[in-house]
Amino acid sequence: MSWDLIEKIVEEYGDMIYRLALHYVHSEFDAEDVVQEVLLAFSMRSVPRERQKAWLLRVTVNKSLDVLRKRKRQTALDGDIAAPAENLSLAEELKSLSPTDRKLVYLHYFEGYTSKEIASLTGMRDAAVRKRLERAKKKLKDVLETN
């Protein structure tokens, strides 16, 4: 793979990859590591041009979830105690959503995709995307109103 292609991918999608990773891992250092891992994985694959963005989104989510799983294992080993539920911030509430719902919320509200575009990216039906977004929004609203 040529360096020119990787540079083009970084220019075109680098910020998106970083923001998505940061949304999941809530750490600039971990998000930067995720970006590097995604770009390394991309450099080792032959991804068709029309699927590059969807591939990059999926791999970013997967690498971010790997970081969270590793962090969770490390936390369990260290014996840390989680924060009380009543002190959770919006970011913590977003973490309480399922990974799929969190991804849909991110793509819709943070990246500005329509439900049809999200359906195309994720392989879900448009109606399913809209319903899951509606449920996630209601859940977050209920939690924020009770706090």
Protein backbone atom coordinates (compact mmCIF):
# COMPACT_ATOMS: atom_id res chain seq x y z
CA MET A 1 0.00 0.00 0.00
CA SER A 2 1.31 3.41 -0.89
CA TRP A 3 2.07 6.15 1.61
CA ASP A 4 0.07 8.53 -0.57
CA LEU A 5 -3.09 6.50 0.04
CA ILE A 6 -2.50 6.37 3.80
CA GLU A 7 -1.83 10.13 3.86
CA LYS A 8 -5.08 10.67 1.95
CA ILE A 9 -6.99 8.48 4.42
CA VAL A 10 -5.49 10.39 7.36
CA GLU A 11 -6.43 13.73 5.78
CA GLU A 12 -9.95 12.62 4.88
CA TYR A 13 -10.89 10.43 7.86
CA GLY A 14 -8.29 11.04 10.58
CA ASP A 15 -10.41 13.47 12.59
CA MET A 16 -13.48 11.26 12.31
CA ILE A 17 -11.52 8.21 13.54
CA TYR A 18 -10.07 10.20 16.44
CA ARG A 19 -13.44 11.67 17.50
CA LEU A 20 -15.14 8.28 17.37
CA ALA A 21 -12.35 6.65 19.38
CA LEU A 22 -12.39 9.50 21.91
CA HIS A 23 -16.16 9.16 22.21
CA TYR A 24 -15.70 5.54 23.25
CA VAL A 25 -12.52 5.55 25.32
CA HIS A 26 -12.71 9.05 26.91
CA SER A 27 -8.92 9.37 26.90
CA GLU A 28 -6.85 11.34 24.41
CA PHE A 29 -3.92 8.96 24.76
CA ASP A 30 -6.04 5.86 24.22
CA ALA A 31 -7.85 7.54 21.29
CA GLU A 32 -4.51 8.30 19.65
CA ASP A 33 -3.49 4.67 20.11
CA VAL A 34 -6.75 3.53 18.53
CA VAL A 35 -6.14 5.82 15.53
CA GLN A 36 -2.68 4.31 15.07
CA GLU A 37 -4.04 0.76 15.32
CA VAL A 38 -6.80 1.51 12.81
CA LEU A 39 -4.36 3.04 10.33
CA LEU A 40 -1.97 0.13 10.78
CA ALA A 41 -4.79 -2.35 10.16
CA PHE A 42 -5.86 -0.33 7.10
CA SER A 43 -2.34 -0.38 5.69
CA MET A 44 -2.36 -4.17 5.84
CA ARG A 45 -5.68 -4.58 4.02
CA SER A 46 -7.05 -3.96 0.60
CA VAL A 47 -10.32 -2.15 1.23
CA PRO A 48 -12.40 -1.10 -1.79
CA ARG A 49 -12.74 2.70 -2.06
CA GLU A 50 -16.53 2.64 -1.69
CA ARG A 51 -16.27 0.68 1.59
CA GLN A 52 -13.34 2.53 3.19
CA LYS A 53 -15.36 4.83 5.43
CA ALA A 54 -17.63 2.05 6.72
CA TRP A 55 -14.59 -0.20 7.26
CA LEU A 56 -12.74 2.54 9.15
CA LEU A 57 -15.79 3.22 11.37
CA ARG A 58 -16.26 -0.45 12.18
CA VAL A 59 -12.58 -1.08 12.93
CA THR A 60 -12.41 2.09 15.06
CA VAL A 61 -15.36 0.90 17.14
CA ASN A 62 -13.85 -2.56 17.50
CA LYS A 63 -10.41 -1.24 18.49
CA SER A 64 -12.03 1.18 20.97
CA LEU A 65 -14.01 -1.65 22.52
CA ASP A 66 -10.78 -3.65 22.79
CA VAL A 67 -9.25 -0.77 24.76
CA LEU A 68 -12.29 -0.65 27.06
CA ARG A 69 -12.16 -4.42 27.64
CA LYS A 70 -8.46 -4.21 28.44
CA ARG A 71 -9.10 -1.28 30.78
CA LYS A 72 -11.91 -3.20 32.48
CA ARG A 73 -9.69 -6.24 33.01
CA GLN A 74 -6.93 -4.02 34.39
CA THR A 75 -9.38 -2.22 36.69
CA ALA A 76 -10.64 -5.55 37.99
CA LEU A 77 -7.08 -6.60 38.69
CA ASP A 78 -6.31 -3.31 40.43
CA GLY A 79 -9.45 -3.57 42.58
CA ASP A 80 -10.79 -0.12 41.69
CA ILE A 81 -14.31 0.77 42.74
CA ALA A 82 -16.76 2.24 40.23
CA ALA A 83 -18.39 5.64 40.83
CA PRO A 84 -21.85 5.66 42.42
CA ALA A 85 -24.68 5.60 39.88
CA GLU A 86 -26.14 8.91 41.04
CA ASN A 87 -22.94 10.80 40.07
CA LEU A 88 -22.78 9.61 36.47
CA SER A 89 -22.29 12.31 33.85
CA LEU A 90 -23.83 12.31 30.38
CA ALA A 91 -20.71 10.57 29.08
CA GLU A 92 -21.22 7.85 31.66
CA GLU A 93 -24.88 7.58 30.66
CA LEU A 94 -23.83 7.18 27.04
CA LYS A 95 -21.59 4.34 28.17
CA SER A 96 -24.66 2.70 29.72
CA LEU A 97 -26.20 2.29 26.27
CA SER A 98 -25.51 -0.87 24.34
CA PRO A 99 -22.50 -0.63 22.01
CA THR A 100 -24.84 -0.63 18.99
CA ASP A 101 -27.05 2.14 20.40
CA ARG A 102 -23.98 4.15 21.41
CA LYS A 103 -22.61 3.85 17.87
CA LEU A 104 -25.95 4.93 16.38
CA VAL A 105 -26.21 7.92 18.73
CA TYR A 106 -22.66 8.93 17.91
CA LEU A 107 -23.15 8.68 14.15
CA HIS A 108 -26.44 10.59 14.25
CA TYR A 109 -25.85 13.31 16.82
CA PHE A 110 -22.07 13.80 16.66
CA GLU A 111 -21.28 13.03 13.02
CA GLY A 112 -24.60 14.25 11.59
CA TYR A 113 -25.59 11.17 9.60
CA THR A 114 -29.24 10.59 8.70
CA SER A 115 -30.92 7.34 9.68
CA LYS A 116 -30.75 6.16 6.05
CA GLU A 117 -27.01 6.83 5.90
CA ILE A 118 -26.49 5.03 9.21
CA ALA A 119 -28.54 2.09 7.95
CA SER A 120 -26.31 1.92 4.89
CA LEU A 121 -23.13 2.08 7.00
CA THR A 122 -24.23 -0.51 9.55
CA GLY A 123 -26.28 -2.88 7.43
CA MET A 124 -29.37 -2.29 9.58
CA ARG A 125 -32.81 -1.34 8.27
CA ASP A 126 -33.65 2.37 8.34
CA ALA A 127 -36.72 1.74 10.53
CA ALA A 128 -34.59 -0.20 13.03
CA VAL A 129 -32.06 2.63 13.20
CA ARG A 130 -34.81 5.22 13.81
CA LYS A 131 -36.44 3.09 16.53
CA ARG A 132 -33.15 2.42 18.33
CA LEU A 133 -32.27 6.13 18.21
CA GLU A 134 -35.69 6.97 19.61
CA ARG A 135 -35.29 4.50 22.48
CA ALA A 136 -31.75 5.66 23.27
CA LYS A 137 -32.85 9.29 23.28
CA LYS A 138 -35.76 8.48 25.62
CA LYS A 139 -33.49 6.55 27.96
CA LEU A 140 -30.97 9.38 28.14
CA LYS A 141 -33.74 11.95 28.63
CA ASP A 142 -35.29 9.95 31.48
CA VAL A 143 -31.94 9.57 33.22
CA LEU A 144 -31.09 13.25 32.88
CA GLU A 145 -34.51 14.32 34.19
CA THR A 146 -34.14 12.16 37.31
CA ASN A 147 -30.71 13.61 38.14
